[in-house]
C-alpha atoms as a PDB file:
ATOM      1  CA  ARG A   1      72.976  27.308 111.703  1.00  0.00           C
ATOM      2  CA  ILE A   2      72.710  30.974 110.681  1.00  0.00           C
ATOM      3  CA  LEU A   3      71.164  31.895 114.024  1.00  0.00           C
ATOM      4  CA  ASP A   4      73.838  29.914 115.885  1.00  0.00           C
ATOM      5  CA  ASN A   5      76.563  31.780 113.992  1.00  0.00           C
ATOM      6  CA  VAL A   6      74.964  35.124 114.809  1.00  0.00           C
ATOM      7  CA  ALA A   7      74.717  34.202 118.489  1.00  0.00           C
ATOM      8  CA  ARG A   8      78.404  33.259 118.551  1.00  0.00           C
ATOM      9  CA  TYR A   9      79.344  36.531 116.854  1.00  0.00           C
ATOM     10  CA  ASN A  10      77.098  38.740 118.992  1.00  0.00           C
ATOM     11  CA  SER A  11      75.157  37.089 121.808  1.00  0.00           C
ATOM     12  CA  THR A  12      72.996  40.203 122.330  1.00  0.00           C
ATOM     13  CA  ALA A  13      71.929  40.539 118.697  1.00  0.00           C
ATOM     14  CA  GLN A  14      68.165  40.532 118.220  1.00  0.00           C
ATOM     15  CA  ILE A  15      67.150  38.609 115.111  1.00  0.00           C
ATOM     16  CA  ASP A  16      63.631  39.074 113.761  1.00  0.00           C
ATOM     17  CA  GLY A  17      64.014  36.470 111.034  1.00  0.00           C
ATOM     18  CA  VAL A  18      66.153  35.147 108.235  1.00  0.00           C
ATOM     19  CA  LEU A  19      65.443  35.545 104.531  1.00  0.00           C
ATOM     20  CA  VAL A  20      66.732  32.771 102.311  1.00  0.00           C
ATOM     21  CA  ALA A  21      66.443  33.340  98.570  1.00  0.00           C
ATOM     22  CA  GLU A  22      67.386  31.417  95.466  1.00  0.00           C
ATOM     23  CA  MET A  23      70.348  32.710  93.472  1.00  0.00           C
ATOM     24  CA  VAL A  24      69.015  33.632  90.043  1.00  0.00           C
ATOM     25  CA  GLY A  25      71.154  33.227  86.951  1.00  0.00           C
ATOM     26  CA  ARG A  26      71.919  35.894  84.390  1.00  0.00           C
ATOM     27  CA  GLY A  27      69.188  37.391  82.284  1.00  0.00           C
ATOM     28  CA  ARG A  28      67.667  40.699  81.277  1.00  0.00           C
ATOM     29  CA  GLU A  29      66.209  42.700  84.139  1.00  0.00           C
ATOM     30  CA  MET A  30      62.730  44.091  83.566  1.00  0.00           C
ATOM     31  CA  ILE A  31      60.211  45.874  85.763  1.00  0.00           C
ATOM     32  CA  LEU A  32      56.491  45.281  86.029  1.00  0.00           C
ATOM     33  CA  GLY A  33      54.384  47.666  88.027  1.00  0.00           C
ATOM     34  CA  MET A  34      50.848  48.657  88.824  1.00  0.00           C
ATOM     35  CA  SER A  35      49.432  51.748  90.425  1.00  0.00           C
ATOM     36  CA  GLN A  36      45.857  52.820  91.037  1.00  0.00           C
ATOM     37  CA  ASP A  37      44.526  55.945  89.409  1.00  0.00           C
ATOM     38  CA  PRO A  38      41.560  57.285  91.415  1.00  0.00           C
ATOM     39  CA  THR A  39      39.569  57.957  88.238  1.00  0.00           C
ATOM     40  CA  PHE A  40      40.657  55.238  85.808  1.00  0.00           C
ATOM     41  CA  GLY A  41      41.610  52.372  88.142  1.00  0.00           C
ATOM     42  CA  PRO A  42      44.718  50.244  87.752  1.00  0.00           C
ATOM     43  CA  ALA A  43      47.435  51.037  85.216  1.00  0.00           C
ATOM     44  CA  VAL A  44      50.265  48.608  84.478  1.00  0.00           C
ATOM     45  CA  ALA A  45      53.799  49.438  83.415  1.00  0.00           C
ATOM     46  CA  VAL A  46      56.604  47.425  81.841  1.00  0.00           C
ATOM     47  CA  GLY A  47      60.163  48.500  81.143  1.00  0.00           C
ATOM     48  CA  LEU A  48      63.811  47.701  81.541  1.00  0.00           C
ATOM     49  CA  GLY A  49      64.405  47.050  85.215  1.00  0.00           C
ATOM     50  CA  GLY A  50      67.210  47.215  87.716  1.00  0.00           C
ATOM     51  CA  VAL A  51      69.210  50.432  87.503  1.00  0.00           C
ATOM     52  CA  PHE A  52      67.897  51.180  83.994  1.00  0.00           C
ATOM     53  CA  VAL A  53      64.365  52.025  85.102  1.00  0.00           C
ATOM     54  CA  GLU A  54      65.551  55.231  86.773  1.00  0.00           C
ATOM     55  CA  THR A  55      68.271  56.186  84.307  1.00  0.00           C
ATOM     56  CA  LEU A  56      66.546  55.421  80.986  1.00  0.00           C
ATOM     57  CA  LYS A  57      62.923  55.988  82.026  1.00  0.00           C
ATOM     58  CA  ASP A  58      61.901  53.593  79.250  1.00  0.00           C
ATOM     59  CA  ILE A  59      58.418  52.512  80.356  1.00  0.00           C
ATOM     60  CA  ALA A  60      55.259  51.503  78.499  1.00  0.00           C
ATOM     61  CA  LEU A  61      51.852  51.891  80.161  1.00  0.00           C
ATOM     62  CA  GLY A  62      48.638  49.946  79.646  1.00  0.00           C
ATOM     63  CA  VAL A  63      45.185  49.492  81.142  1.00  0.00           C
ATOM     64  CA  PRO A  64      44.341  45.993  82.351  1.00  0.00           C
ATOM     65  CA  PRO A  65      43.268  43.474  81.456  1.00  0.00           C
ATOM     66  CA  LEU A  66      45.712  43.275  78.553  1.00  0.00           C
ATOM     67  CA  ALA A  67      45.350  40.989  75.561  1.00  0.00           C
ATOM     68  CA  VAL A  68      48.446  39.280  74.166  1.00  0.00           C
ATOM     69  CA  ARG A  69      48.649  41.795  71.301  1.00  0.00           C
ATOM     70  CA  ASP A  70      48.499  44.686  73.805  1.00  0.00           C
ATOM     71  CA  ALA A  71      51.287  43.218  75.942  1.00  0.00           C
ATOM     72  CA  ARG A  72      53.428  42.497  72.877  1.00  0.00           C
ATOM     73  CA  GLY A  73      52.891  46.051  71.629  1.00  0.00           C
ATOM     74  CA  MET A  74      53.886  47.533  74.986  1.00  0.00           C
ATOM     75  CA  ILE A  75      57.083  45.481  75.109  1.00  0.00           C
ATOM     76  CA  GLU A  76      58.017  46.126  71.477  1.00  0.00           C
ATOM     77  CA  SER A  77      57.472  49.875  71.968  1.00  0.00           C
ATOM     78  CA  LEU A  78      60.320  50.076  74.488  1.00  0.00           C
ATOM     79  CA  ARG A  79      63.474  51.790  73.250  1.00  0.00           C
ATOM     80  CA  GLY A  80      65.368  49.017  75.060  1.00  0.00           C
ATOM     81  CA  TYR A  81      63.556  46.256  73.168  1.00  0.00           C
ATOM     82  CA  ALA A  82      66.809  45.539  71.302  1.00  0.00           C
ATOM     83  CA  VAL A  83      68.200  44.153  74.577  1.00  0.00           C
ATOM     84  CA  LEU A  84      65.450  41.524  74.544  1.00  0.00           C
ATOM     85  CA  GLU A  85      65.932  40.711  70.868  1.00  0.00           C
ATOM     86  CA  GLY A  86      69.599  39.998  71.464  1.00  0.00           C
ATOM     87  CA  SER A  87      70.723  42.707  69.073  1.00  0.00           C
ATOM     88  CA  GLY A  88      71.348  45.201  71.849  1.00  0.00           C
ATOM     89  CA  ALA A  89      73.920  43.256  73.862  1.00  0.00           C
ATOM     90  CA  ARG A  90      77.211  41.815  72.689  1.00  0.00           C
ATOM     91  CA  GLY A  91      77.055  38.079  72.248  1.00  0.00           C
ATOM     92  CA  ALA A  92      73.628  37.757  73.833  1.00  0.00           C
ATOM     93  CA  GLY A  93      70.961  35.756  72.071  1.00  0.00           C
ATOM     94  CA  PRO A  94      67.276  36.568  72.175  1.00  0.00           C
ATOM     95  CA  ALA A  95      65.431  36.628  75.491  1.00  0.00           C
ATOM     96  CA  ASP A  96      62.282  34.651  76.236  1.00  0.00           C
ATOM     97  CA  VAL A  97      59.940  37.395  74.989  1.00  0.00           C
ATOM     98  CA  PRO A  98      56.932  35.014  74.747  1.00  0.00           C
ATOM     99  CA  ALA A  99      57.321  34.233  78.475  1.00  0.00           C
ATOM    100  CA  LEU A 100      57.561  37.970  79.219  1.00  0.00           C
ATOM    101  CA  ILE A 101      54.397  38.636  77.190  1.00  0.00           C
ATOM    102  CA  ASP A 102      52.555  35.831  79.003  1.00  0.00           C
ATOM    103  CA  THR A 103      53.713  37.180  82.370  1.00  0.00           C
ATOM    104  CA  LEU A 104      52.575  40.718  81.516  1.00  0.00           C
ATOM    105  CA  VAL A 105      49.138  39.446  80.412  1.00  0.00           C
ATOM    106  CA  ARG A 106      48.740  37.409  83.613  1.00  0.00           C
ATOM    107  CA  PHE A 107      50.049  40.266  85.764  1.00  0.00           C
ATOM    108  CA  SER A 108      47.533  42.648  84.184  1.00  0.00           C
ATOM    109  CA  ALA A 109      44.690  40.210  84.926  1.00  0.00           C
ATOM    110  CA  LEU A 110      45.845  39.976  88.551  1.00  0.00           C
ATOM    111  CA  CYS A 111      45.955  43.784  88.797  1.00  0.00           C
ATOM    112  CA  TYR A 112      42.458  44.014  87.331  1.00  0.00           C
ATOM    113  CA  ASP A 113      41.120  41.405  89.778  1.00  0.00           C
ATOM    114  CA  LEU A 114      42.760  43.058  92.811  1.00  0.00           C
ATOM    115  CA  ALA A 115      41.927  46.647  91.821  1.00  0.00           C
ATOM    116  CA  GLY A 116      40.059  47.412  95.056  1.00  0.00           C
ATOM    117  CA  ASP A 117      42.452  45.593  97.355  1.00  0.00           C
ATOM    118  CA  VAL A 118      45.909  46.652  96.166  1.00  0.00           C
ATOM    119  CA  ALA A 119      47.214  50.214  95.742  1.00  0.00           C
ATOM    120  CA  GLU A 120      50.424  49.328  93.937  1.00  0.00           C
ATOM    121  CA  ILE A 121      52.675  46.461  92.908  1.00  0.00           C
ATOM    122  CA  ASP A 122      56.348  46.781  92.009  1.00  0.00           C
ATOM    123  CA  ILE A 123      58.209  43.788  90.558  1.00  0.00           C
ATOM    124  CA  ASN A 124      61.835  44.799  90.045  1.00  0.00           C
ATOM    125  CA  PRO A 125      63.609  42.945  88.787  1.00  0.00           C
ATOM    126  CA  LEU A 126      61.752  40.390  86.782  1.00  0.00           C
ATOM    127  CA  VAL A 127      64.569  38.417  85.176  1.00  0.00           C
ATOM    128  CA  VAL A 128      63.896  37.308  81.603  1.00  0.00           C
ATOM    129  CA  PHE A 129      66.138  34.410  80.667  1.00  0.00           C
ATOM    130  CA  ASP A 130      67.271  33.326  77.204  1.00  0.00           C
ATOM    131  CA  ALA A 131      64.659  32.108  74.711  1.00  0.00           C
ATOM    132  CA  GLY A 132      62.748  29.104  76.023  1.00  0.00           C
ATOM    133  CA  GLN A 133      64.007  29.534  79.614  1.00  0.00           C
ATOM    134  CA  GLY A 134      61.167  31.628  81.080  1.00  0.00           C
ATOM    135  CA  VAL A 135      61.156  34.447  83.611  1.00  0.00           C
ATOM    136  CA  LYS A 136      61.550  34.745  87.374  1.00  0.00           C
ATOM    137  CA  VAL A 137      60.437  37.376  89.880  1.00  0.00           C
ATOM    138  CA  VAL A 138      63.386  38.359  92.070  1.00  0.00           C
ATOM    139  CA  ASP A 139      61.808  41.103  94.170  1.00  0.00           C
ATOM    140  CA  CYS A 140      58.204  42.206  94.616  1.00  0.00           C
ATOM    141  CA  LEU A 141      56.521  44.863  96.727  1.00  0.00           C
ATOM    142  CA  ILE A 142      52.739  44.861  97.154  1.00  0.00           C
ATOM    143  CA  VAL A 143      51.091  47.830  98.875  1.00  0.00           C
ATOM    144  CA  PRO A 144      47.562  47.165 100.109  1.00  0.00           C
ATOM    145  CA  ALA A 145      44.835  49.689  99.351  1.00  0.00           C
ATOM    146  CA  PRO A 146      43.902  51.885 102.301  1.00  0.00           C
ATOM    147  CA  ALA A 147      40.917  50.691 104.280  1.00  0.00           C
ATOM    148  CA  PRO A 148      37.728  52.570 103.437  1.00  0.00           C
ATOM    149  CA  ALA A 149      36.788  55.262 105.920  1.00  0.00           C
ATOM    150  CA  GLU A 150      33.942  54.358 108.260  1.00  0.00           C
ATOM    151  CA  ALA A 151      30.814  56.449 107.838  1.00  0.00           C
END
């Protein structure tokens, strides 16, 4: 139906595809990221996402694989942690921090496992819903590692 509507609007339009995505409800936007350091390997980052990542620059870094205590420590070290606790936003209750911790631990394991294959991963935003409601990736960019040079 979308393609039919486009054709009616502009019969010469060239359509390469259609992206259909779920509408995600309100929550706290976070960012998860990974980049490869040539010496130390993968490093993971967590912070407030959306527009806040660039304006507040509130990011915690860790080396995968992360244990639960490491992930919790990274998240609790953020200046914006109050937003997750519910004390930083008017009328908002606590966010699902346990689901965020679990996601960060699993993400770090993935980054560790893919260290030679992936150069960087950027998940922004990762929406963290209210307590008990989980998290959802809204946008993700994965950059493959460059192919090794042939000898």
